[in-house]
Amino acid sequence: MYAIVKTGGKQYKVTEGLVFETELLNLDVDSTLELEVVLAANEEQVFAGEEAKQVKVLATVVEHGKGKKINIFTYKAKKNIRKRQGHRQPYTKLKVNSITIG
């Protein structure tokens, strides 16, 4: 069984036991949250739209962190203008505990 969940403005395909990174969430480590389900499917049936609200996906916060550093360098030729900027995207790592119907 798998589900498409929505969190942090993005959608992720998840199965039970999957660990994935999403946008930073304001939750404590080891806390549990319920993710919003967009679509779910098992071997016999597909749940979409109003039926998807019957499906519950529970996940646990594993850790918070920062991603790999990205260096941004811009310049204008022949003008002696150079700008260096860096960015590290914060994330929350979630582990899917269960996907249940009903």
Protein backbone atom coordinates (compact mmCIF):
# COMPACT_ATOMS: atom_id res chain seq x y z
CA MET A 1 0.00 0.00 0.00
CA TYR A 2 1.20 3.51 -0.74
CA ALA A 3 -0.11 7.05 -0.34
CA ILE A 4 0.55 10.47 -1.80
CA VAL A 5 0.79 12.96 1.10
CA LYS A 6 1.00 16.72 1.12
CA THR A 7 3.30 18.59 3.52
CA GLY A 8 5.36 21.74 3.25
CA GLY A 9 3.70 22.73 -0.03
CA LYS A 10 4.95 19.57 -1.78
CA GLN A 11 3.63 16.08 -2.37
CA TYR A 12 5.48 12.85 -1.58
CA LYS A 13 4.80 9.20 -2.39
CA VAL A 14 5.20 7.24 0.86
CA THR A 15 4.99 3.64 2.03
CA GLU A 16 5.18 2.19 5.54
CA GLY A 17 8.66 2.43 7.03
CA LEU A 18 9.89 5.07 4.56
CA VAL A 19 12.17 7.82 5.89
CA PHE A 20 12.05 11.04 3.86
CA GLU A 21 13.03 14.71 4.14
CA THR A 22 10.51 17.53 3.92
CA GLU A 23 10.42 21.26 4.59
CA LEU A 24 11.19 22.31 8.17
CA LEU A 25 8.26 21.63 10.51
CA ASN A 26 7.85 23.26 13.92
CA LEU A 27 7.68 19.96 15.88
CA ASP A 28 9.84 18.24 18.49
CA VAL A 29 11.95 15.18 17.71
CA ASP A 30 10.08 11.89 18.36
CA SER A 31 6.69 13.60 18.12
CA THR A 32 3.97 12.07 15.93
CA LEU A 33 1.93 13.85 13.29
CA GLU A 34 -0.82 12.95 10.84
CA LEU A 35 -0.11 13.86 7.22
CA GLU A 36 -2.74 15.10 4.76
CA VAL A 37 -3.53 12.38 2.20
CA VAL A 38 -4.18 13.32 -1.44
CA LEU A 39 -4.35 9.79 -2.87
CA ALA A 40 -3.91 6.25 -1.56
CA ALA A 41 -3.90 2.86 -3.20
CA ASN A 42 -3.63 -0.80 -2.24
CA GLU A 43 -3.82 -3.95 -4.36
CA GLU A 44 -7.60 -3.74 -4.96
CA GLN A 45 -8.66 -0.12 -4.60
CA VAL A 46 -7.65 3.50 -5.19
CA PHE A 47 -8.77 6.21 -2.77
CA ALA A 48 -8.88 9.74 -4.20
CA GLY A 49 -10.78 12.95 -3.50
CA GLU A 50 -13.27 12.57 -0.65
CA GLU A 51 -12.38 8.88 -0.20
CA ALA A 52 -8.76 9.84 0.55
CA LYS A 53 -9.91 11.52 3.78
CA GLN A 54 -10.66 8.02 5.17
CA VAL A 55 -6.96 7.13 4.96
CA LYS A 56 -4.64 8.09 7.83
CA VAL A 57 -0.88 8.36 7.51
CA LEU A 58 1.01 8.67 10.80
CA ALA A 59 4.65 9.76 10.83
CA THR A 60 7.30 10.39 13.49
CA VAL A 61 9.86 13.19 13.43
CA VAL A 62 13.33 11.59 13.30
CA GLU A 63 15.54 14.70 13.19
CA HIS A 64 15.95 18.28 12.03
CA GLY A 65 18.93 19.43 9.99
CA LYS A 66 20.33 21.51 7.18
CA GLY A 67 20.97 20.35 3.64
CA LYS A 68 24.12 20.64 1.57
CA LYS A 69 25.49 24.15 1.09
CA ILE A 70 24.75 25.78 -2.24
CA ASN A 71 27.13 28.52 -3.42
CA ILE A 72 25.69 31.25 -5.60
CA PHE A 73 28.15 33.50 -7.45
CA THR A 74 27.00 36.30 -9.73
CA TYR A 75 29.08 38.84 -11.61
CA LYS A 76 28.77 41.43 -14.33
CA ALA A 77 31.44 41.28 -16.97
CA LYS A 78 33.73 44.30 -17.33
CA LYS A 79 32.03 46.12 -14.41
CA ASN A 80 34.03 44.72 -11.45
CA ILE A 81 30.77 43.66 -9.74
CA ARG A 82 30.93 40.30 -7.95
CA LYS A 83 28.52 38.87 -5.39
CA ARG A 84 28.91 35.60 -3.48
CA GLN A 85 26.02 34.11 -1.56
CA GLY A 86 25.42 30.76 0.16
CA HIS A 87 22.32 28.87 1.22
CA ARG A 88 21.54 25.77 3.31
CA GLN A 89 17.94 24.61 3.23
CA PRO A 90 16.61 23.42 6.64
CA TYR A 91 14.68 20.14 6.63
CA THR A 92 12.76 17.74 8.86
CA LYS A 93 13.30 14.02 8.45
CA LEU A 94 10.08 11.98 8.89
CA LYS A 95 9.52 8.23 9.23
CA VAL A 96 6.14 6.83 8.15
CA ASN A 97 4.79 4.55 10.88
CA SER A 98 1.47 3.41 9.46
CA ILE A 99 -1.01 3.84 6.63
CA THR A 100 -4.53 2.81 7.66
CA ILE A 101 -7.91 2.90 5.94
CA GLY A 102 -11.01 3.91 7.85
